[in-house]
Amino acid sequence: AYEAARRALIRCGARGYNLPVDKFAQWQDVEITFNPERMRIK
């Protein structure tokens, strides 16, 4: 579970995410909480 979350963050960091510049004040600080207990294998 940890590795899946880590890979997702690295992919997002490498490619970036197209967020609106005019709303920078709303998304400039993002806090991510990861809870592996809620993950399931599909």
PDB file of N, CA and C in Angstrom:
ATOM      1  N   ALA A   1       0.827  -1.198   0.000  1.00  0.00           N
ATOM      2  CA  ALA A   1       0.000   0.000   0.000  1.00  0.00           C
ATOM      3  C   ALA A   1       0.866   1.254   0.000  1.00  0.00           C
ATOM      4  N   TYR A   2       1.895   1.227   0.822  1.00  0.00           N
ATOM      5  CA  TYR A   2       2.798   2.374   0.883  1.00  0.00           C
ATOM      6  C   TYR A   2       3.438   2.630  -0.475  1.00  0.00           C
ATOM      7  N   GLU A   3       3.901   1.571  -1.116  1.00  0.00           N
ATOM      8  CA  GLU A   3       4.574   1.726  -2.409  1.00  0.00           C
ATOM      9  C   GLU A   3       3.630   2.276  -3.471  1.00  0.00           C
ATOM     10  N   ALA A   4       2.376   1.864  -3.468  1.00  0.00           N
ATOM     11  CA  ALA A   4       1.400   2.374  -4.438  1.00  0.00           C
ATOM     12  C   ALA A   4       1.180   3.869  -4.243  1.00  0.00           C
ATOM     13  N   ALA A   5       1.066   4.300  -3.009  1.00  0.00           N
ATOM     14  CA  ALA A   5       0.894   5.729  -2.723  1.00  0.00           C
ATOM     15  C   ALA A   5       2.148   6.501  -3.108  1.00  0.00           C
ATOM     16  N   ARG A   6       3.300   5.941  -2.816  1.00  0.00           N
ATOM     17  CA  ARG A   6       4.576   6.590  -3.153  1.00  0.00           C
ATOM     18  C   ARG A   6       4.711   6.751  -4.669  1.00  0.00           C
ATOM     19  N   ARG A   7       4.397   5.709  -5.431  1.00  0.00           N
ATOM     20  CA  ARG A   7       4.478   5.782  -6.895  1.00  0.00           C
ATOM     21  C   ARG A   7       3.530   6.843  -7.443  1.00  0.00           C
ATOM     22  N   ALA A   8       2.325   6.929  -6.902  1.00  0.00           N
ATOM     23  CA  ALA A   8       1.352   7.928  -7.365  1.00  0.00           C
ATOM     24  C   ALA A   8       1.872   9.340  -7.138  1.00  0.00           C
ATOM     25  N   LEU A   9       2.477   9.582  -5.990  1.00  0.00           N
ATOM     26  CA  LEU A   9       3.021  10.913  -5.703  1.00  0.00           C
ATOM     27  C   LEU A   9       4.199  11.242  -6.602  1.00  0.00           C
ATOM     28  N   ILE A  10       5.057  10.274  -6.848  1.00  0.00           N
ATOM     29  CA  ILE A  10       6.209  10.506  -7.718  1.00  0.00           C
ATOM     30  C   ILE A  10       5.753  10.785  -9.143  1.00  0.00           C
ATOM     31  N   ARG A  11       4.775  10.022  -9.642  1.00  0.00           N
ATOM     32  CA  ARG A  11       4.256  10.261 -10.995  1.00  0.00           C
ATOM     33  C   ARG A  11       3.668  11.655 -11.117  1.00  0.00           C
ATOM     34  N   CYS A  12       2.904  12.068 -10.137  1.00  0.00           N
ATOM     35  CA  CYS A  12       2.295  13.398 -10.156  1.00  0.00           C
ATOM     36  C   CYS A  12       3.375  14.472 -10.119  1.00  0.00           C
ATOM     37  N   GLY A  13       4.396  14.271  -9.304  1.00  0.00           N
ATOM     38  CA  GLY A  13       5.481  15.235  -9.200  1.00  0.00           C
ATOM     39  C   GLY A  13       6.290  15.344 -10.474  1.00  0.00           C
ATOM     40  N   ALA A  14       6.448  14.240 -11.194  1.00  0.00           N
ATOM     41  CA  ALA A  14       7.237  14.236 -12.423  1.00  0.00           C
ATOM     42  C   ALA A  14       6.491  14.903 -13.572  1.00  0.00           C
ATOM     43  N   ARG A  15       5.201  14.649 -13.679  1.00  0.00           N
ATOM     44  CA  ARG A  15       4.405  15.183 -14.786  1.00  0.00           C
ATOM     45  C   ARG A  15       3.714  16.495 -14.441  1.00  0.00           C
ATOM     46  N   GLY A  16       3.608  16.753 -13.167  1.00  0.00           N
ATOM     47  CA  GLY A  16       2.872  17.940 -12.751  1.00  0.00           C
ATOM     48  C   GLY A  16       1.373  17.706 -12.836  1.00  0.00           C
ATOM     49  N   TYR A  17       0.635  18.677 -12.430  1.00  0.00           N
ATOM     50  CA  TYR A  17      -0.818  18.587 -12.461  1.00  0.00           C
ATOM     51  C   TYR A  17      -1.337  19.940 -12.900  1.00  0.00           C
ATOM     52  N   ASN A  18      -2.208  19.971 -13.867  1.00  0.00           N
ATOM     53  CA  ASN A  18      -2.688  21.208 -14.467  1.00  0.00           C
ATOM     54  C   ASN A  18      -3.715  21.890 -13.558  1.00  0.00           C
ATOM     55  N   LEU A  19      -3.219  22.676 -12.611  1.00  0.00           N
ATOM     56  CA  LEU A  19      -4.095  23.396 -11.686  1.00  0.00           C
ATOM     57  C   LEU A  19      -4.244  24.840 -12.146  1.00  0.00           C
ATOM     58  N   PRO A  20      -5.406  25.448 -11.904  1.00  0.00           N
ATOM     59  CA  PRO A  20      -5.638  26.823 -12.362  1.00  0.00           C
ATOM     60  C   PRO A  20      -4.770  27.832 -11.607  1.00  0.00           C
ATOM     61  N   VAL A  21      -4.053  28.638 -12.353  1.00  0.00           N
ATOM     62  CA  VAL A  21      -3.159  29.635 -11.766  1.00  0.00           C
ATOM     63  C   VAL A  21      -3.934  30.653 -10.939  1.00  0.00           C
ATOM     64  N   ASP A  22      -5.135  31.014 -11.379  1.00  0.00           N
ATOM     65  CA  ASP A  22      -5.907  32.028 -10.662  1.00  0.00           C
ATOM     66  C   ASP A  22      -6.390  31.547  -9.289  1.00  0.00           C
ATOM     67  N   LYS A  23      -6.295  30.257  -9.012  1.00  0.00           N
ATOM     68  CA  LYS A  23      -6.696  29.720  -7.706  1.00  0.00           C
ATOM     69  C   LYS A  23      -5.495  29.218  -6.911  1.00  0.00           C
ATOM     70  N   PHE A  24      -4.316  29.739  -7.227  1.00  0.00           N
ATOM     71  CA  PHE A  24      -3.083  29.310  -6.574  1.00  0.00           C
ATOM     72  C   PHE A  24      -3.165  29.401  -5.055  1.00  0.00           C
ATOM     73  N   ALA A  25      -3.788  30.435  -4.530  1.00  0.00           N
ATOM     74  CA  ALA A  25      -3.886  30.607  -3.074  1.00  0.00           C
ATOM     75  C   ALA A  25      -4.630  29.439  -2.426  1.00  0.00           C
ATOM     76  N   GLN A  26      -5.522  28.792  -3.166  1.00  0.00           N
ATOM     77  CA  GLN A  26      -6.293  27.673  -2.615  1.00  0.00           C
ATOM     78  C   GLN A  26      -5.531  26.356  -2.647  1.00  0.00           C
ATOM     79  N   TRP A  27      -4.645  26.170  -3.627  1.00  0.00           N
ATOM     80  CA  TRP A  27      -3.971  24.886  -3.741  1.00  0.00           C
ATOM     81  C   TRP A  27      -2.463  24.941  -3.522  1.00  0.00           C
ATOM     82  N   GLN A  28      -1.925  26.082  -3.132  1.00  0.00           N
ATOM     83  CA  GLN A  28      -0.469  26.171  -2.987  1.00  0.00           C
ATOM     84  C   GLN A  28       0.074  25.249  -1.900  1.00  0.00           C
ATOM     85  N   ASP A  29      -0.685  24.998  -0.864  1.00  0.00           N
ATOM     86  CA  ASP A  29      -0.291  24.066   0.194  1.00  0.00           C
ATOM     87  C   ASP A  29      -1.284  22.913   0.221  1.00  0.00           C
ATOM     88  N   VAL A  30      -0.799  21.726  -0.055  1.00  0.00           N
ATOM     89  CA  VAL A  30      -1.649  20.541  -0.080  1.00  0.00           C
ATOM     90  C   VAL A  30      -1.142  19.566   0.973  1.00  0.00           C
ATOM     91  N   GLU A  31      -2.041  19.086   1.804  1.00  0.00           N
ATOM     92  CA  GLU A  31      -1.693  18.085   2.811  1.00  0.00           C
ATOM     93  C   GLU A  31      -2.346  16.771   2.420  1.00  0.00           C
ATOM     94  N   ILE A  32      -1.537  15.731   2.325  1.00  0.00           N
ATOM     95  CA  ILE A  32      -2.037  14.423   1.930  1.00  0.00           C
ATOM     96  C   ILE A  32      -1.970  13.493   3.127  1.00  0.00           C
ATOM     97  N   THR A  33      -3.090  12.866   3.437  1.00  0.00           N
ATOM     98  CA  THR A  33      -3.149  11.883   4.514  1.00  0.00           C
ATOM     99  C   THR A  33      -3.344  10.518   3.879  1.00  0.00           C
ATOM    100  N   PHE A  34      -2.463   9.597   4.195  1.00  0.00           N
ATOM    101  CA  PHE A  34      -2.516   8.258   3.621  1.00  0.00           C
ATOM    102  C   PHE A  34      -2.879   7.262   4.706  1.00  0.00           C
ATOM    103  N   ASN A  35      -3.955   6.501   4.471  1.00  0.00           N
ATOM    104  CA  ASN A  35      -4.396   5.486   5.415  1.00  0.00           C
ATOM    105  C   ASN A  35      -4.442   4.143   4.683  1.00  0.00           C
ATOM    106  N   PRO A  36      -3.440   3.282   4.858  1.00  0.00           N
ATOM    107  CA  PRO A  36      -3.402   2.018   4.124  1.00  0.00           C
ATOM    108  C   PRO A  36      -4.514   1.049   4.521  1.00  0.00           C
ATOM    109  N   GLU A  37      -5.172   1.253   5.634  1.00  0.00           N
ATOM    110  CA  GLU A  37      -6.245   0.361   6.061  1.00  0.00           C
ATOM    111  C   GLU A  37      -7.434   0.390   5.108  1.00  0.00           C
ATOM    112  N   ARG A  38      -7.593   1.484   4.377  1.00  0.00           N
ATOM    113  CA  ARG A  38      -8.746   1.605   3.485  1.00  0.00           C
ATOM    114  C   ARG A  38      -8.439   1.126   2.069  1.00  0.00           C
ATOM    115  N   MET A  39      -7.215   0.696   1.811  1.00  0.00           N
ATOM    116  CA  MET A  39      -6.848   0.218   0.478  1.00  0.00           C
ATOM    117  C   MET A  39      -7.255  -1.243   0.328  1.00  0.00           C
ATOM    118  N   ARG A  40      -7.664  -1.580  -0.877  1.00  0.00           N
ATOM    119  CA  ARG A  40      -8.045  -2.958  -1.175  1.00  0.00           C
ATOM    120  C   ARG A  40      -7.360  -3.382  -2.460  1.00  0.00           C
ATOM    121  N   ILE A  41      -7.089  -4.645  -2.582  1.00  0.00           N
ATOM    122  CA  ILE A  41      -6.528  -5.186  -3.818  1.00  0.00           C
ATOM    123  C   ILE A  41      -7.681  -5.428  -4.779  1.00  0.00           C
ATOM    124  N   LYS A  42      -7.509  -4.957  -6.005  1.00  0.00           N
ATOM    125  CA  LYS A  42      -8.569  -5.122  -7.014  1.00  0.00           C
ATOM    126  C   LYS A  42      -8.247  -6.293  -7.909  1.00  0.00           C
TER     127      LYS A  42
END
